PDB file of N, CA and C in Angstrom:
ATOM      1  N   UNK A   1      -9.153  -4.925  -7.265  1.00  0.00           N
ATOM      2  CA  UNK A   1      -9.668  -3.387  -6.730  1.00  0.00           C
ATOM      3  C   UNK A   1     -10.225  -3.368  -5.237  1.00  0.00           C
ATOM      4  N   UNK A   2     -11.248  -3.347  -4.586  1.00  0.00           N
ATOM      5  CA  UNK A   2     -11.811  -3.628  -3.160  1.00  0.00           C
ATOM      6  C   UNK A   2     -10.749  -4.740  -2.274  1.00  0.00           C
ATOM      7  N   UNK A   3      -9.717  -5.746  -3.097  1.00  0.00           N
ATOM      8  CA  UNK A   3      -9.114  -6.438  -1.981  1.00  0.00           C
ATOM      9  C   UNK A   3      -7.939  -5.154  -1.932  1.00  0.00           C
ATOM     10  N   UNK A   4      -7.528  -4.629  -2.658  1.00  0.00           N
ATOM     11  CA  UNK A   4      -6.569  -3.473  -2.323  1.00  0.00           C
ATOM     12  C   UNK A   4      -7.510  -2.547  -1.462  1.00  0.00           C
ATOM     13  N   UNK A   5      -8.124  -1.945  -1.185  1.00  0.00           N
ATOM     14  CA  UNK A   5      -8.717  -0.941  -0.389  1.00  0.00           C
ATOM     15  C   UNK A   5      -8.689  -2.071   1.195  1.00  0.00           C
ATOM     16  N   UNK A   6      -9.014  -3.047   1.003  1.00  0.00           N
ATOM     17  CA  UNK A   6      -9.152  -3.727   3.073  1.00  0.00           C
ATOM     18  C   UNK A   6      -7.637  -3.940   2.904  1.00  0.00           C
ATOM     19  N   UNK A   7      -6.570  -4.290   1.886  1.00  0.00           N
ATOM     20  CA  UNK A   7      -5.458  -4.488   2.406  1.00  0.00           C
ATOM     21  C   UNK A   7      -4.536  -3.495   2.980  1.00  0.00           C
ATOM     22  N   UNK A   8      -4.403  -2.863   2.440  1.00  0.00           N
ATOM     23  CA  UNK A   8      -3.608  -1.506   1.768  1.00  0.00           C
ATOM     24  C   UNK A   8      -3.232  -0.684   3.491  1.00  0.00           C
ATOM     25  N   UNK A   9      -4.979  -0.638   3.740  1.00  0.00           N
ATOM     26  CA  UNK A   9      -4.227   0.081   5.094  1.00  0.00           C
ATOM     27  C   UNK A   9      -4.104  -1.221   5.846  1.00  0.00           C
ATOM     28  N   UNK A  10      -4.430  -2.319   6.365  1.00  0.00           N
ATOM     29  CA  UNK A  10      -3.722  -2.732   7.010  1.00  0.00           C
ATOM     30  C   UNK A  10      -2.435  -3.065   7.222  1.00  0.00           C
ATOM     31  N   UNK A  11      -2.190  -3.449   5.774  1.00  0.00           N
ATOM     32  CA  UNK A  11      -0.157  -3.607   6.099  1.00  0.00           C
ATOM     33  C   UNK A  11       0.307  -2.170   6.089  1.00  0.00           C
ATOM     34  N   UNK A  12      -0.052  -0.678   5.851  1.00  0.00           N
ATOM     35  CA  UNK A  12       0.631   0.477   6.276  1.00  0.00           C
ATOM     36  C   UNK A  12       0.475   0.830   7.142  1.00  0.00           C
ATOM     37  N   UNK A  13       0.305   0.526   7.774  1.00  0.00           N
ATOM     38  CA  UNK A  13      -0.014   1.302   9.357  1.00  0.00           C
ATOM     39  C   UNK A  13       0.975  -0.210   9.689  1.00  0.00           C
ATOM     40  N   UNK A  14       0.353  -1.653  10.134  1.00  0.00           N
ATOM     41  CA  UNK A  14       1.810  -2.586  10.768  1.00  0.00           C
ATOM     42  C   UNK A  14       3.095  -1.860  10.561  1.00  0.00           C
ATOM     43  N   UNK A  15       3.161  -1.401   8.863  1.00  0.00           N
ATOM     44  CA  UNK A  15       4.643  -1.180   8.805  1.00  0.00           C
ATOM     45  C   UNK A  15       5.341  -0.083   9.068  1.00  0.00           C
ATOM     46  N   UNK A  16       4.529   0.856   9.249  1.00  0.00           N
ATOM     47  CA  UNK A  16       4.641   2.316  10.113  1.00  0.00           C
ATOM     48  C   UNK A  16       5.220   1.952  11.792  1.00  0.00           C
ATOM     49  N   UNK A  17       4.507   0.686  11.686  1.00  0.00           N
ATOM     50  CA  UNK A  17       4.537   0.645  13.496  1.00  0.00           C
ATOM     51  C   UNK A  17       5.742   0.024  13.712  1.00  0.00           C
ATOM     52  N   UNK A  18       6.094  -1.022  12.790  1.00  0.00           N
ATOM     53  CA  UNK A  18       7.778  -2.059  12.730  1.00  0.00           C
ATOM     54  C   UNK A  18       8.787  -1.004  12.188  1.00  0.00           C
ATOM     55  N   UNK A  19       8.775  -0.283  11.784  1.00  0.00           N
ATOM     56  CA  UNK A  19       9.741   0.702  10.848  1.00  0.00           C
ATOM     57  C   UNK A  19      10.160   2.519  11.366  1.00  0.00           C
ATOM     58  N   UNK A  20       9.632   2.022  12.495  1.00  0.00           N
ATOM     59  CA  UNK A  20       9.867   3.452  12.667  1.00  0.00           C
ATOM     60  C   UNK A  20      10.880   3.095  13.895  1.00  0.00           C
ATOM     61  N   UNK A  21      11.291   5.124  13.564  1.00  0.00           N
ATOM     62  CA  UNK A  21      12.490   4.201  14.280  1.00  0.00           C
ATOM     63  C   UNK A  21      11.935   4.749  16.365  1.00  0.00           C
ATOM     64  N   UNK A  22      12.625   4.178  16.966  1.00  0.00           N
ATOM     65  CA  UNK A  22      12.442   4.166  18.360  1.00  0.00           C
ATOM     66  C   UNK A  22      12.605   5.984  18.525  1.00  0.00           C
ATOM     67  N   UNK A  23      13.045   6.557  18.144  1.00  0.00           N
ATOM     68  CA  UNK A  23      13.166   7.908  18.662  1.00  0.00           C
ATOM     69  C   UNK A  23      12.016   8.894  18.668  1.00  0.00           C
ATOM     70  N   UNK A  24      10.840   8.647  17.663  1.00  0.00           N
ATOM     71  CA  UNK A  24       9.935   9.289  17.240  1.00  0.00           C
ATOM     72  C   UNK A  24       8.702   8.386  17.929  1.00  0.00           C
ATOM     73  N   UNK A  25       8.739   7.574  18.732  1.00  0.00           N
ATOM     74  CA  UNK A  25       8.090   6.232  19.677  1.00  0.00           C
ATOM     75  C   UNK A  25       6.985   7.624  20.527  1.00  0.00           C
ATOM     76  N   UNK A  26       5.093   7.206  20.295  1.00  0.00           N
ATOM     77  CA  UNK A  26       5.200   8.827  21.667  1.00  0.00           C
ATOM     78  C   UNK A  26       3.889   7.854  21.837  1.00  0.00           C
ATOM     79  N   UNK A  27       3.670   8.019  22.925  1.00  0.00           N
ATOM     80  CA  UNK A  27       2.028   6.974  22.898  1.00  0.00           C
ATOM     81  C   UNK A  27       0.846   8.206  22.108  1.00  0.00           C
ATOM     82  N   UNK A  28       0.875   9.508  22.401  1.00  0.00           N
ATOM     83  CA  UNK A  28      -0.009   9.109  21.039  1.00  0.00           C
ATOM     84  C   UNK A  28       0.201   9.245  19.990  1.00  0.00           C
ATOM     85  N   UNK A  29       1.170   9.152  19.244  1.00  0.00           N
ATOM     86  CA  UNK A  29       1.383   7.957  17.742  1.00  0.00           C
ATOM     87  C   UNK A  29       1.114   6.759  17.205  1.00  0.00           C
ATOM     88  N   UNK A  30       1.176   6.000  18.743  1.00  0.00           N
ATOM     89  CA  UNK A  30       0.560   4.558  18.318  1.00  0.00           C
ATOM     90  C   UNK A  30      -0.746   4.848  18.787  1.00  0.00           C
ATOM     91  N   UNK A  31      -1.333   6.108  19.413  1.00  0.00           N
ATOM     92  CA  UNK A  31      -2.487   5.720  19.456  1.00  0.00           C
ATOM     93  C   UNK A  31      -3.695   5.731  18.501  1.00  0.00           C
ATOM     94  N   UNK A  32      -3.062   7.274  17.367  1.00  0.00           N
ATOM     95  CA  UNK A  32      -3.377   7.693  16.544  1.00  0.00           C
ATOM     96  C   UNK A  32      -3.565   5.933  15.496  1.00  0.00           C
ATOM     97  N   UNK A  33      -2.272   5.260  15.752  1.00  0.00           N
ATOM     98  CA  UNK A  33      -2.207   4.690  14.374  1.00  0.00           C
ATOM     99  C   UNK A  33      -2.864   3.443  14.641  1.00  0.00           C
ATOM    100  N   UNK A  34      -2.906   3.286  16.192  1.00  0.00           N
ATOM    101  CA  UNK A  34      -4.120   1.911  16.662  1.00  0.00           C
ATOM    102  C   UNK A  34      -5.381   2.650  16.400  1.00  0.00           C
ATOM    103  N   UNK A  35      -5.710   3.370  16.319  1.00  0.00           N
ATOM    104  CA  UNK A  35      -7.064   4.576  15.738  1.00  0.00           C
ATOM    105  C   UNK A  35      -7.509   3.573  14.550  1.00  0.00           C
ATOM    106  N   UNK A  36      -6.599   4.519  13.794  1.00  0.00           N
ATOM    107  CA  UNK A  36      -6.663   4.127  12.077  1.00  0.00           C
ATOM    108  C   UNK A  36      -6.912   2.763  11.993  1.00  0.00           C
ATOM    109  N   UNK A  37      -5.366   2.116  12.610  1.00  0.00           N
ATOM    110  CA  UNK A  37      -6.009   0.488  12.057  1.00  0.00           C
ATOM    111  C   UNK A  37      -7.592  -0.185  12.237  1.00  0.00           C
ATOM    112  N   UNK A  38      -7.961   0.378  13.042  1.00  0.00           N
ATOM    113  CA  UNK A  38      -9.231  -0.488  13.876  1.00  0.00           C
ATOM    114  C   UNK A  38     -10.548   0.137  13.214  1.00  0.00           C
ATOM    115  N   UNK A  39     -10.295   2.079  13.099  1.00  0.00           N
ATOM    116  CA  UNK A  39     -11.482   2.131  12.502  1.00  0.00           C
ATOM    117  C   UNK A  39     -12.029   2.616  10.896  1.00  0.00           C
ATOM    118  N   UNK A  40     -10.360   2.009  10.068  1.00  0.00           N
ATOM    119  CA  UNK A  40     -10.743   2.508   9.325  1.00  0.00           C
ATOM    120  C   UNK A  40     -11.643   0.925   7.898  1.00  0.00           C
ATOM    121  N   UNK A  41     -11.501  -0.479   7.997  1.00  0.00           N
ATOM    122  CA  UNK A  41     -11.993  -0.973   7.609  1.00  0.00           C
ATOM    123  C   UNK A  41     -13.460  -0.769   8.150  1.00  0.00           C
ATOM    124  N   UNK A  42     -14.296  -0.829   9.236  1.00  0.00           N
ATOM    125  CA  UNK A  42     -15.548  -0.341   8.816  1.00  0.00           C
ATOM    126  C   UNK A  42     -15.795   1.282   8.091  1.00  0.00           C
ATOM    127  N   UNK A  43     -14.866   1.857   8.377  1.00  0.00           N
ATOM    128  CA  UNK A  43     -15.674   3.501   7.823  1.00  0.00           C
ATOM    129  C   UNK A  43     -14.745   3.383   6.536  1.00  0.00           C
ATOM    130  N   UNK A  44     -14.354   1.937   5.981  1.00  0.00           N
ATOM    131  CA  UNK A  44     -14.155   1.905   4.029  1.00  0.00           C
ATOM    132  C   UNK A  44     -15.151   1.195   3.759  1.00  0.00           C
ATOM    133  N   UNK A  45     -15.827  -0.208   4.868  1.00  0.00           N
ATOM    134  CA  UNK A  45     -16.714  -1.550   4.244  1.00  0.00           C
ATOM    135  C   UNK A  45     -17.558  -0.943   3.322  1.00  0.00           C
ATOM    136  N   UNK A  46     -18.857   0.082   3.125  1.00  0.00           N
ATOM    137  CA  UNK A  46     -19.609   0.260   2.456  1.00  0.00           C
ATOM    138  C   UNK A  46     -18.800   0.908   0.910  1.00  0.00           C
ATOM    139  N   UNK A  47     -18.163   1.666   0.515  1.00  0.00           N
ATOM    140  CA  UNK A  47     -17.302   1.797  -0.453  1.00  0.00           C
ATOM    141  C   UNK A  47     -16.338   0.699  -0.860  1.00  0.00           C
ATOM    142  N   UNK A  48     -16.174  -0.685   0.062  1.00  0.00           N
ATOM    143  CA  UNK A  48     -15.442  -1.901  -0.746  1.00  0.00           C
ATOM    144  C   UNK A  48     -16.731  -2.296  -1.635  1.00  0.00           C
ATOM    145  N   UNK A  49     -17.823  -2.870  -0.374  1.00  0.00           N
ATOM    146  CA  UNK A  49     -19.116  -3.648  -0.890  1.00  0.00           C
ATOM    147  C   UNK A  49     -19.959  -2.645  -1.951  1.00  0.00           C
ATOM    148  N   UNK A  50     -19.733  -1.975  -2.436  1.00  0.00           N
ATOM    149  CA  UNK A  50     -20.677  -0.665  -3.424  1.00  0.00           C
ATOM    150  C   UNK A  50     -19.313  -1.320  -4.721  1.00  0.00           C
ATOM    151  N   UNK A  51     -17.551  -1.591  -4.875  1.00  0.00           N
ATOM    152  CA  UNK A  51     -17.524  -1.691  -5.866  1.00  0.00           C
ATOM    153  C   UNK A  51     -17.621  -2.934  -6.039  1.00  0.00           C
ATOM    154  N   UNK A  52     -17.378  -3.329  -5.091  1.00  0.00           N
ATOM    155  CA  UNK A  52     -17.449  -5.444  -5.676  1.00  0.00           C
ATOM    156  C   UNK A  52     -18.938  -5.866  -6.230  1.00  0.00           C
ATOM    157  N   UNK A  53     -20.241  -5.149  -5.524  1.00  0.00           N
ATOM    158  CA  UNK A  53     -21.480  -5.509  -6.530  1.00  0.00           C
ATOM    159  C   UNK A  53     -21.431  -4.429  -7.649  1.00  0.00           C
ATOM    160  N   UNK A  54     -20.466  -3.319  -7.990  1.00  0.00           N
ATOM    161  CA  UNK A  54     -20.035  -3.224  -9.760  1.00  0.00           C
ATOM    162  C   UNK A  54     -19.738  -3.735 -10.283  1.00  0.00           C
ATOM    163  N   UNK A  55     -18.487  -4.597  -9.029  1.00  0.00           N
ATOM    164  CA  UNK A  55     -17.571  -5.707 -10.699  1.00  0.00           C
ATOM    165  C   UNK A  55     -18.639  -6.616 -11.080  1.00  0.00           C
ATOM    166  N   UNK A  56     -19.728  -7.360  -9.991  1.00  0.00           N
ATOM    167  CA  UNK A  56     -20.100  -8.211 -10.272  1.00  0.00           C
ATOM    168  C   UNK A  56     -21.531  -7.976 -11.191  1.00  0.00           C
ATOM    169  N   UNK A  57     -21.652  -7.239 -11.033  1.00  0.00           N
ATOM    170  CA  UNK A  57     -23.003  -6.780 -12.706  1.00  0.00           C
ATOM    171  C   UNK A  57     -22.741  -7.151 -13.900  1.00  0.00           C
TER     172      UNK A  57
END
């Protein structure tokens, strides 16, 4: 489960950028997706580590 919590945000934002039609491409949308891509992992890290520690017990 922790592995999926890390991989899914990265793969979903990457897939969204690659698969979105050029007609909806805007700098503000690209900025939002870039922020999600770079902020999501550090924000979710405490949750991921707590899940991993519970699995090890």
